[in-house]
Amino acid sequence: MALDANALREHLNGVPDTDEVLTRLLGASTAHIERLLGYKLTDIEKLPDGPPADLEQAVLMLAADWYENREASLVGVSAQPIPFGVHAIVNEHREWSF
C-alpha cells in the first residue's frame, strides 16, 4: 500500500501537521478498515494486485475524518454520514462469514 503521511497531507489539502500525527492516523484507520474487512490490506491471497484504489480511498477518508474530528463529541453541529462513504466501500470487499 502506497499510503504515507504525504498522501494523507495531500488528501487534507496540505495541512501543516507533523508526519507523526498523520502516520498515526493512517495506521489507526488502516487497522480499523482491516478489522472491518476481516483480512489485511497486505494479504496477497485476497488482494493479489495490492489494495484497490477504493480501499485506499476509504483509508484516507477515515483518517481525514479522524483528523478533522479529533474529539469524542461535537456540540452544536448537525452531521450525517456521507453516502458511498467508508462503510459502503468496505462492504463491497468485506469477508463475510455466518
PDB file of N, CA and C in Angstrom:
ATOM      1  N   MET A   1       0.850  -1.165   0.000  1.00  0.00           N
ATOM      2  CA  MET A   1       0.000   0.000   0.000  1.00  0.00           C
ATOM      3  C   MET A   1       0.900   1.234   0.000  1.00  0.00           C
ATOM      4  N   ALA A   2       0.613   2.149  -0.870  1.00  0.00           N
ATOM      5  CA  ALA A   2       1.487   3.312  -1.067  1.00  0.00           C
ATOM      6  C   ALA A   2       1.054   4.527  -0.249  1.00  0.00           C
ATOM      7  N   LEU A   3       0.237   4.326   0.750  1.00  0.00           N
ATOM      8  CA  LEU A   3      -0.223   5.468   1.532  1.00  0.00           C
ATOM      9  C   LEU A   3       0.790   5.813   2.611  1.00  0.00           C
ATOM     10  N   ASP A   4       1.120   7.090   2.703  1.00  0.00           N
ATOM     11  CA  ASP A   4       2.024   7.576   3.731  1.00  0.00           C
ATOM     12  C   ASP A   4       1.539   8.958   4.176  1.00  0.00           C
ATOM     13  N   ALA A   5       2.298   9.576   5.057  1.00  0.00           N
ATOM     14  CA  ALA A   5       1.898  10.884   5.586  1.00  0.00           C
ATOM     15  C   ALA A   5       1.715  11.912   4.471  1.00  0.00           C
ATOM     16  N   ASN A   6       2.539  11.851   3.442  1.00  0.00           N
ATOM     17  CA  ASN A   6       2.398  12.804   2.336  1.00  0.00           C
ATOM     18  C   ASN A   6       1.100  12.601   1.567  1.00  0.00           C
ATOM     19  N   ALA A   7       0.691  11.338   1.374  1.00  0.00           N
ATOM     20  CA  ALA A   7      -0.574  11.061   0.691  1.00  0.00           C
ATOM     21  C   ALA A   7      -1.747  11.615   1.500  1.00  0.00           C
ATOM     22  N   LEU A   8      -1.707  11.428   2.822  1.00  0.00           N
ATOM     23  CA  LEU A   8      -2.771  11.963   3.674  1.00  0.00           C
ATOM     24  C   LEU A   8      -2.733  13.483   3.692  1.00  0.00           C
ATOM     25  N   ARG A   9      -1.546  14.068   3.758  1.00  0.00           N
ATOM     26  CA  ARG A   9      -1.426  15.528   3.739  1.00  0.00           C
ATOM     27  C   ARG A   9      -2.044  16.093   2.458  1.00  0.00           C
ATOM     28  N   GLU A  10      -1.783  15.462   1.329  1.00  0.00           N
ATOM     29  CA  GLU A  10      -2.356  15.902   0.054  1.00  0.00           C
ATOM     30  C   GLU A  10      -3.875  15.757   0.073  1.00  0.00           C
ATOM     31  N   HIS A  11      -4.372  14.644   0.625  1.00  0.00           N
ATOM     32  CA  HIS A  11      -5.817  14.425   0.736  1.00  0.00           C
ATOM     33  C   HIS A  11      -6.463  15.506   1.605  1.00  0.00           C
ATOM     34  N   LEU A  12      -5.737  15.966   2.602  1.00  0.00           N
ATOM     35  CA  LEU A  12      -6.237  17.004   3.520  1.00  0.00           C
ATOM     36  C   LEU A  12      -5.917  18.413   3.020  1.00  0.00           C
ATOM     37  N   ASN A  13      -5.560  18.552   1.765  1.00  0.00           N
ATOM     38  CA  ASN A  13      -5.255  19.844   1.142  1.00  0.00           C
ATOM     39  C   ASN A  13      -4.064  20.546   1.787  1.00  0.00           C
ATOM     40  N   GLY A  14      -3.022  19.773   2.097  1.00  0.00           N
ATOM     41  CA  GLY A  14      -1.764  20.367   2.543  1.00  0.00           C
ATOM     42  C   GLY A  14      -1.735  20.871   3.961  1.00  0.00           C
ATOM     43  N   VAL A  15      -2.334  20.169   4.888  1.00  0.00           N
ATOM     44  CA  VAL A  15      -2.291  20.604   6.295  1.00  0.00           C
ATOM     45  C   VAL A  15      -0.850  20.640   6.796  1.00  0.00           C
ATOM     46  N   PRO A  16      -0.545  21.543   7.717  1.00  0.00           N
ATOM     47  CA  PRO A  16       0.832  21.683   8.185  1.00  0.00           C
ATOM     48  C   PRO A  16       1.214  20.730   9.309  1.00  0.00           C
ATOM     49  N   ASP A  17       0.343  19.804   9.697  1.00  0.00           N
ATOM     50  CA  ASP A  17       0.636  18.950  10.846  1.00  0.00           C
ATOM     51  C   ASP A  17       1.853  18.057  10.583  1.00  0.00           C
ATOM     52  N   THR A  18       2.396  17.499  11.651  1.00  0.00           N
ATOM     53  CA  THR A  18       3.613  16.692  11.560  1.00  0.00           C
ATOM     54  C   THR A  18       3.339  15.329  10.949  1.00  0.00           C
ATOM     55  N   ASP A  19       4.384  14.728  10.385  1.00  0.00           N
ATOM     56  CA  ASP A  19       4.265  13.378   9.841  1.00  0.00           C
ATOM     57  C   ASP A  19       3.852  12.379  10.917  1.00  0.00           C
ATOM     58  N   GLU A  20       4.290  12.628  12.152  1.00  0.00           N
ATOM     59  CA  GLU A  20       3.965  11.710  13.244  1.00  0.00           C
ATOM     60  C   GLU A  20       2.453  11.613  13.452  1.00  0.00           C
ATOM     61  N   VAL A  21       1.773  12.737  13.466  1.00  0.00           N
ATOM     62  CA  VAL A  21       0.317  12.759  13.640  1.00  0.00           C
ATOM     63  C   VAL A  21      -0.361  12.062  12.462  1.00  0.00           C
ATOM     64  N   LEU A  22       0.034  12.400  11.258  1.00  0.00           N
ATOM     65  CA  LEU A  22      -0.602  11.840  10.069  1.00  0.00           C
ATOM     66  C   LEU A  22      -0.323  10.346   9.936  1.00  0.00           C
ATOM     67  N   THR A  23       0.883   9.920  10.267  1.00  0.00           N
ATOM     68  CA  THR A  23       1.234   8.496  10.208  1.00  0.00           C
ATOM     69  C   THR A  23       0.420   7.702  11.222  1.00  0.00           C
ATOM     70  N   ARG A  24       0.249   8.270  12.417  1.00  0.00           N
ATOM     71  CA  ARG A  24      -0.567   7.596  13.450  1.00  0.00           C
ATOM     72  C   ARG A  24      -2.006   7.441  12.986  1.00  0.00           C
ATOM     73  N   LEU A  25      -2.567   8.485  12.386  1.00  0.00           N
ATOM     74  CA  LEU A  25      -3.940   8.410  11.881  1.00  0.00           C
ATOM     75  C   LEU A  25      -4.075   7.393  10.757  1.00  0.00           C
ATOM     76  N   LEU A  26      -3.104   7.342   9.870  1.00  0.00           N
ATOM     77  CA  LEU A  26      -3.132   6.349   8.788  1.00  0.00           C
ATOM     78  C   LEU A  26      -3.064   4.933   9.344  1.00  0.00           C
ATOM     79  N   GLY A  27      -2.196   4.713  10.324  1.00  0.00           N
ATOM     80  CA  GLY A  27      -2.084   3.392  10.934  1.00  0.00           C
ATOM     81  C   GLY A  27      -3.374   2.962  11.610  1.00  0.00           C
ATOM     82  N   ALA A  28      -3.985   3.881  12.340  1.00  0.00           N
ATOM     83  CA  ALA A  28      -5.235   3.574  13.039  1.00  0.00           C
ATOM     84  C   ALA A  28      -6.375   3.318  12.051  1.00  0.00           C
ATOM     85  N   SER A  29      -6.471   4.127  11.009  1.00  0.00           N
ATOM     86  CA  SER A  29      -7.557   3.935  10.043  1.00  0.00           C
ATOM     87  C   SER A  29      -7.347   2.662   9.232  1.00  0.00           C
ATOM     88  N   THR A  30      -6.101   2.344   8.903  1.00  0.00           N
ATOM     89  CA  THR A  30      -5.814   1.088   8.194  1.00  0.00           C
ATOM     90  C   THR A  30      -6.199  -0.100   9.058  1.00  0.00           C
ATOM     91  N   ALA A  31      -5.809  -0.083  10.332  1.00  0.00           N
ATOM     92  CA  ALA A  31      -6.142  -1.181  11.247  1.00  0.00           C
ATOM     93  C   ALA A  31      -7.650  -1.335  11.398  1.00  0.00           C
ATOM     94  N   HIS A  32      -8.363  -0.223  11.492  1.00  0.00           N
ATOM     95  CA  HIS A  32      -9.822  -0.280  11.639  1.00  0.00           C
ATOM     96  C   HIS A  32     -10.470  -0.896  10.395  1.00  0.00           C
ATOM     97  N   ILE A  33     -10.046  -0.464   9.236  1.00  0.00           N
ATOM     98  CA  ILE A  33     -10.622  -0.991   7.996  1.00  0.00           C
ATOM     99  C   ILE A  33     -10.269  -2.466   7.824  1.00  0.00           C
ATOM    100  N   GLU A  34      -9.070  -2.867   8.215  1.00  0.00           N
ATOM    101  CA  GLU A  34      -8.711  -4.282   8.139  1.00  0.00           C
ATOM    102  C   GLU A  34      -9.594  -5.129   9.051  1.00  0.00           C
ATOM    103  N   ARG A  35      -9.939  -4.615  10.229  1.00  0.00           N
ATOM    104  CA  ARG A  35     -10.855  -5.353  11.110  1.00  0.00           C
ATOM    105  C   ARG A  35     -12.236  -5.455  10.484  1.00  0.00           C
ATOM    106  N   LEU A  36     -12.702  -4.393   9.833  1.00  0.00           N
ATOM    107  CA  LEU A  36     -13.999  -4.448   9.164  1.00  0.00           C
ATOM    108  C   LEU A  36     -13.986  -5.432   8.000  1.00  0.00           C
ATOM    109  N   LEU A  37     -12.892  -5.471   7.259  1.00  0.00           N
ATOM    110  CA  LEU A  37     -12.771  -6.366   6.113  1.00  0.00           C
ATOM    111  C   LEU A  37     -12.660  -7.824   6.522  1.00  0.00           C
ATOM    112  N   GLY A  38     -11.940  -8.088   7.606  1.00  0.00           N
ATOM    113  CA  GLY A  38     -11.677  -9.459   8.018  1.00  0.00           C
ATOM    114  C   GLY A  38     -10.360  -9.986   7.477  1.00  0.00           C
ATOM    115  N   TYR A  39      -9.566  -9.135   6.841  1.00  0.00           N
ATOM    116  CA  TYR A  39      -8.247  -9.508   6.344  1.00  0.00           C
ATOM    117  C   TYR A  39      -7.391  -8.257   6.210  1.00  0.00           C
ATOM    118  N   LYS A  40      -6.083  -8.457   6.096  1.00  0.00           N
ATOM    119  CA  LYS A  40      -5.131  -7.349   5.982  1.00  0.00           C
ATOM    120  C   LYS A  40      -5.112  -6.806   4.561  1.00  0.00           C
ATOM    121  N   LEU A  41      -4.846  -5.531   4.423  1.00  0.00           N
ATOM    122  CA  LEU A  41      -4.717  -4.930   3.099  1.00  0.00           C
ATOM    123  C   LEU A  41      -3.446  -5.398   2.394  1.00  0.00           C
ATOM    124  N   THR A  42      -2.559  -6.044   3.129  1.00  0.00           N
ATOM    125  CA  THR A  42      -1.337  -6.599   2.545  1.00  0.00           C
ATOM    126  C   THR A  42      -1.476  -8.086   2.227  1.00  0.00           C
ATOM    127  N   ASP A  43      -2.674  -8.661   2.402  1.00  0.00           N
ATOM    128  CA  ASP A  43      -2.917 -10.085   2.143  1.00  0.00           C
ATOM    129  C   ASP A  43      -2.900 -10.338   0.638  1.00  0.00           C
ATOM    130  N   ILE A  44      -1.827 -10.994   0.164  1.00  0.00           N
ATOM    131  CA  ILE A  44      -1.695 -11.178  -1.280  1.00  0.00           C
ATOM    132  C   ILE A  44      -2.625 -12.266  -1.830  1.00  0.00           C
ATOM    133  N   GLU A  45      -3.175 -13.117  -0.948  1.00  0.00           N
ATOM    134  CA  GLU A  45      -4.168 -14.094  -1.420  1.00  0.00           C
ATOM    135  C   GLU A  45      -5.492 -13.403  -1.714  1.00  0.00           C
ATOM    136  N   LYS A  46      -5.905 -12.499  -0.863  1.00  0.00           N
ATOM    137  CA  LYS A  46      -7.169 -11.768  -1.058  1.00  0.00           C
ATOM    138  C   LYS A  46      -7.005 -10.654  -2.086  1.00  0.00           C
ATOM    139  N   LEU A  47      -5.869  -9.990  -2.061  1.00  0.00           N
ATOM    140  CA  LEU A  47      -5.625  -8.841  -2.941  1.00  0.00           C
ATOM    141  C   LEU A  47      -4.298  -9.050  -3.682  1.00  0.00           C
ATOM    142  N   PRO A  48      -4.280  -9.948  -4.666  1.00  0.00           N
ATOM    143  CA  PRO A  48      -3.011 -10.270  -5.341  1.00  0.00           C
ATOM    144  C   PRO A  48      -2.370  -9.079  -6.052  1.00  0.00           C
ATOM    145  N   ASP A  49      -3.161  -8.104  -6.464  1.00  0.00           N
ATOM    146  CA  ASP A  49      -2.624  -6.926  -7.144  1.00  0.00           C
ATOM    147  C   ASP A  49      -2.452  -5.748  -6.188  1.00  0.00           C
ATOM    148  N   GLY A  50      -2.522  -6.009  -4.886  1.00  0.00           N
ATOM    149  CA  GLY A  50      -2.447  -4.941  -3.898  1.00  0.00           C
ATOM    150  C   GLY A  50      -3.827  -4.364  -3.659  1.00  0.00           C
ATOM    151  N   PRO A  51      -3.956  -3.480  -2.674  1.00  0.00           N
ATOM    152  CA  PRO A  51      -5.264  -2.919  -2.366  1.00  0.00           C
ATOM    153  C   PRO A  51      -5.784  -2.075  -3.528  1.00  0.00           C
ATOM    154  N   PRO A  52      -7.062  -2.248  -3.876  1.00  0.00           N
ATOM    155  CA  PRO A  52      -7.626  -1.423  -4.941  1.00  0.00           C
ATOM    156  C   PRO A  52      -7.755   0.039  -4.497  1.00  0.00           C
ATOM    157  N   ALA A  53      -7.880   0.899  -5.476  1.00  0.00           N
ATOM    158  CA  ALA A  53      -7.927   2.342  -5.212  1.00  0.00           C
ATOM    159  C   ALA A  53      -9.063   2.715  -4.273  1.00  0.00           C
ATOM    160  N   ASP A  54     -10.202   2.017  -4.365  1.00  0.00           N
ATOM    161  CA  ASP A  54     -11.324   2.405  -3.499  1.00  0.00           C
ATOM    162  C   ASP A  54     -11.039   2.089  -2.029  1.00  0.00           C
ATOM    163  N   LEU A  55     -10.316   1.007  -1.732  1.00  0.00           N
ATOM    164  CA  LEU A  55      -9.965   0.727  -0.339  1.00  0.00           C
ATOM    165  C   LEU A  55      -8.927   1.722   0.165  1.00  0.00           C
ATOM    166  N   GLU A  56      -7.986   2.120  -0.676  1.00  0.00           N
ATOM    167  CA  GLU A  56      -7.040   3.157  -0.266  1.00  0.00           C
ATOM    168  C   GLU A  56      -7.779   4.470  -0.008  1.00  0.00           C
ATOM    169  N   GLN A  57      -8.784   4.763  -0.833  1.00  0.00           N
ATOM    170  CA  GLN A  57      -9.593   5.967  -0.621  1.00  0.00           C
ATOM    171  C   GLN A  57     -10.340   5.886   0.701  1.00  0.00           C
ATOM    172  N   ALA A  58     -10.850   4.711   1.044  1.00  0.00           N
ATOM    173  CA  ALA A  58     -11.556   4.537   2.322  1.00  0.00           C
ATOM    174  C   ALA A  58     -10.614   4.808   3.497  1.00  0.00           C
ATOM    175  N   VAL A  59      -9.368   4.335   3.407  1.00  0.00           N
ATOM    176  CA  VAL A  59      -8.380   4.597   4.464  1.00  0.00           C
ATOM    177  C   VAL A  59      -8.155   6.099   4.592  1.00  0.00           C
ATOM    178  N   LEU A  60      -7.974   6.783   3.467  1.00  0.00           N
ATOM    179  CA  LEU A  60      -7.755   8.234   3.500  1.00  0.00           C
ATOM    180  C   LEU A  60      -8.979   8.969   4.041  1.00  0.00           C
ATOM    181  N   MET A  61     -10.179   8.549   3.631  1.00  0.00           N
ATOM    182  CA  MET A  61     -11.405   9.209   4.100  1.00  0.00           C
ATOM    183  C   MET A  61     -11.549   9.068   5.614  1.00  0.00           C
ATOM    184  N   LEU A  62     -11.292   7.872   6.131  1.00  0.00           N
ATOM    185  CA  LEU A  62     -11.418   7.648   7.567  1.00  0.00           C
ATOM    186  C   LEU A  62     -10.356   8.437   8.333  1.00  0.00           C
ATOM    187  N   ALA A  63      -9.116   8.416   7.848  1.00  0.00           N
ATOM    188  CA  ALA A  63      -8.051   9.178   8.507  1.00  0.00           C
ATOM    189  C   ALA A  63      -8.368  10.667   8.480  1.00  0.00           C
ATOM    190  N   ALA A  64      -8.896  11.167   7.364  1.00  0.00           N
ATOM    191  CA  ALA A  64      -9.251  12.584   7.261  1.00  0.00           C
ATOM    192  C   ALA A  64     -10.375  12.932   8.226  1.00  0.00           C
ATOM    193  N   ASP A  65     -11.367  12.048   8.355  1.00  0.00           N
ATOM    194  CA  ASP A  65     -12.465  12.295   9.286  1.00  0.00           C
ATOM    195  C   ASP A  65     -11.944  12.343  10.714  1.00  0.00           C
ATOM    196  N   TRP A  66     -11.059  11.423  11.063  1.00  0.00           N
ATOM    197  CA  TRP A  66     -10.491  11.418  12.410  1.00  0.00           C
ATOM    198  C   TRP A  66      -9.593  12.630  12.627  1.00  0.00           C
ATOM    199  N   TYR A  67      -8.946  13.125  11.589  1.00  0.00           N
ATOM    200  CA  TYR A  67      -8.120  14.324  11.705  1.00  0.00           C
ATOM    201  C   TYR A  67      -8.993  15.543  11.992  1.00  0.00           C
ATOM    202  N   GLU A  68     -10.084  15.671  11.241  1.00  0.00           N
ATOM    203  CA  GLU A  68     -10.972  16.830  11.378  1.00  0.00           C
ATOM    204  C   GLU A  68     -11.811  16.780  12.649  1.00  0.00           C
ATOM    205  N   ASN A  69     -12.097  15.601  13.156  1.00  0.00           N
ATOM    206  CA  ASN A  69     -12.954  15.425  14.338  1.00  0.00           C
ATOM    207  C   ASN A  69     -12.185  14.647  15.397  1.00  0.00           C
ATOM    208  N   ARG A  70     -11.242  15.308  16.035  1.00  0.00           N
ATOM    209  CA  ARG A  70     -10.349  14.631  16.987  1.00  0.00           C
ATOM    210  C   ARG A  70     -10.952  14.444  18.371  1.00  0.00           C
ATOM    211  N   GLU A  71     -12.090  15.020  18.622  1.00  0.00           N
ATOM    212  CA  GLU A  71     -12.723  14.891  19.938  1.00  0.00           C
ATOM    213  C   GLU A  71     -13.809  13.821  19.888  1.00  0.00           C
ATOM    214  N   ALA A  72     -14.222  13.354  21.059  1.00  0.00           N
ATOM    215  CA  ALA A  72     -15.209  12.284  21.141  1.00  0.00           C
ATOM    216  C   ALA A  72     -16.633  12.762  20.868  1.00  0.00           C
ATOM    217  N   SER A  73     -16.874  14.071  20.940  1.00  0.00           N
ATOM    218  CA  SER A  73     -18.221  14.578  20.700  1.00  0.00           C
ATOM    219  C   SER A  73     -18.152  15.951  20.047  1.00  0.00           C
ATOM    220  N   LEU A  74     -19.239  16.289  19.381  1.00  0.00           N
ATOM    221  CA  LEU A  74     -19.378  17.602  18.756  1.00  0.00           C
ATOM    222  C   LEU A  74     -20.569  18.300  19.384  1.00  0.00           C
ATOM    223  N   VAL A  75     -20.462  19.589  19.630  1.00  0.00           N
ATOM    224  CA  VAL A  75     -21.545  20.353  20.238  1.00  0.00           C
ATOM    225  C   VAL A  75     -22.050  21.364  19.221  1.00  0.00           C
ATOM    226  N   GLY A  76     -23.366  21.404  19.046  1.00  0.00           N
ATOM    227  CA  GLY A  76     -23.965  22.385  18.163  1.00  0.00           C
ATOM    228  C   GLY A  76     -23.753  22.128  16.688  1.00  0.00           C
ATOM    229  N   VAL A  77     -23.504  20.877  16.332  1.00  0.00           N
ATOM    230  CA  VAL A  77     -23.262  20.537  14.933  1.00  0.00           C
ATOM    231  C   VAL A  77     -24.209  19.418  14.534  1.00  0.00           C
ATOM    232  N   SER A  78     -24.845  19.583  13.407  1.00  0.00           N
ATOM    233  CA  SER A  78     -25.694  18.530  12.866  1.00  0.00           C
ATOM    234  C   SER A  78     -24.910  17.824  11.764  1.00  0.00           C
ATOM    235  N   ALA A  79     -24.717  16.532  11.902  1.00  0.00           N
ATOM    236  CA  ALA A  79     -23.932  15.793  10.923  1.00  0.00           C
ATOM    237  C   ALA A  79     -24.675  14.527  10.517  1.00  0.00           C
ATOM    238  N   GLN A  80     -24.367  14.065   9.334  1.00  0.00           N
ATOM    239  CA  GLN A  80     -24.918  12.801   8.858  1.00  0.00           C
ATOM    240  C   GLN A  80     -23.884  12.113   7.988  1.00  0.00           C
ATOM    241  N   PRO A  81     -23.970  10.787   7.894  1.00  0.00           N
ATOM    242  CA  PRO A  81     -22.969  10.077   7.090  1.00  0.00           C
ATOM    243  C   PRO A  81     -23.088  10.425   5.611  1.00  0.00           C
ATOM    244  N   ILE A  82     -21.963  10.404   4.946  1.00  0.00           N
ATOM    245  CA  ILE A  82     -21.929  10.675   3.508  1.00  0.00           C
ATOM    246  C   ILE A  82     -22.264   9.386   2.765  1.00  0.00           C
ATOM    247  N   PRO A  83     -23.209   9.420   1.827  1.00  0.00           N
ATOM    248  CA  PRO A  83     -23.486   8.214   1.040  1.00  0.00           C
ATOM    249  C   PRO A  83     -22.226   7.763   0.304  1.00  0.00           C
ATOM    250  N   PHE A  84     -22.091   6.487   0.154  1.00  0.00           N
ATOM    251  CA  PHE A  84     -20.939   5.893  -0.519  1.00  0.00           C
ATOM    252  C   PHE A  84     -19.640   6.238   0.199  1.00  0.00           C
ATOM    253  N   GLY A  85     -19.716   6.304   1.518  1.00  0.00           N
ATOM    254  CA  GLY A  85     -18.544   6.607   2.329  1.00  0.00           C
ATOM    255  C   GLY A  85     -17.754   5.349   2.651  1.00  0.00           C
ATOM    256  N   VAL A  86     -17.033   5.402   3.743  1.00  0.00           N
ATOM    257  CA  VAL A  86     -16.113   4.334   4.125  1.00  0.00           C
ATOM    258  C   VAL A  86     -16.820   2.987   4.226  1.00  0.00           C
ATOM    259  N   HIS A  87     -17.932   2.920   4.943  1.00  0.00           N
ATOM    260  CA  HIS A  87     -18.600   1.629   5.135  1.00  0.00           C
ATOM    261  C   HIS A  87     -19.133   1.055   3.831  1.00  0.00           C
ATOM    262  N   ALA A  88     -19.621   1.886   2.951  1.00  0.00           N
ATOM    263  CA  ALA A  88     -20.105   1.402   1.658  1.00  0.00           C
ATOM    264  C   ALA A  88     -18.954   0.796   0.849  1.00  0.00           C
ATOM    265  N   ILE A  89     -17.802   1.432   0.880  1.00  0.00           N
ATOM    266  CA  ILE A  89     -16.638   0.910   0.154  1.00  0.00           C
ATOM    267  C   ILE A  89     -16.177  -0.406   0.769  1.00  0.00           C
ATOM    268  N   VAL A  90     -16.043  -0.432   2.092  1.00  0.00           N
ATOM    269  CA  VAL A  90     -15.559  -1.630   2.778  1.00  0.00           C
ATOM    270  C   VAL A  90     -16.517  -2.801   2.565  1.00  0.00           C
ATOM    271  N   ASN A  91     -17.822  -2.559   2.614  1.00  0.00           N
ATOM    272  CA  ASN A  91     -18.790  -3.643   2.450  1.00  0.00           C
ATOM    273  C   ASN A  91     -18.677  -4.349   1.106  1.00  0.00           C
ATOM    274  N   GLU A  92     -18.199  -3.652   0.089  1.00  0.00           N
ATOM    275  CA  GLU A  92     -18.029  -4.289  -1.218  1.00  0.00           C
ATOM    276  C   GLU A  92     -16.875  -5.279  -1.230  1.00  0.00           C
ATOM    277  N   HIS A  93     -15.942  -5.147  -0.292  1.00  0.00           N
ATOM    278  CA  HIS A  93     -14.752  -6.004  -0.258  1.00  0.00           C
ATOM    279  C   HIS A  93     -14.703  -6.895   0.971  1.00  0.00           C
ATOM    280  N   ARG A  94     -15.690  -6.792   1.825  1.00  0.00           N
ATOM    281  CA  ARG A  94     -15.643  -7.453   3.134  1.00  0.00           C
ATOM    282  C   ARG A  94     -15.674  -8.965   3.024  1.00  0.00           C
ATOM    283  N   GLU A  95     -14.990  -9.618   3.942  1.00  0.00           N
ATOM    284  CA  GLU A  95     -15.000 -11.076   4.072  1.00  0.00           C
ATOM    285  C   GLU A  95     -16.174 -11.425   4.987  1.00  0.00           C
ATOM    286  N   TRP A  96     -17.267 -11.895   4.392  1.00  0.00           N
ATOM    287  CA  TRP A  96     -18.471 -12.204   5.162  1.00  0.00           C
ATOM    288  C   TRP A  96     -18.415 -13.639   5.664  1.00  0.00           C
ATOM    289  N   SER A  97     -18.854 -13.855   6.882  1.00  0.00           N
ATOM    290  CA  SER A  97     -18.969 -15.213   7.412  1.00  0.00           C
ATOM    291  C   SER A  97     -20.179 -15.278   8.339  1.00  0.00           C
ATOM    292  N   PHE A  98     -20.839 -16.405   8.307  1.00  0.00           N
ATOM    293  CA  PHE A  98     -22.041 -16.575   9.129  1.00  0.00           C
ATOM    294  C   PHE A  98     -21.934 -17.843   9.918  1.00  0.00           C
TER     295      PHE A  98
END
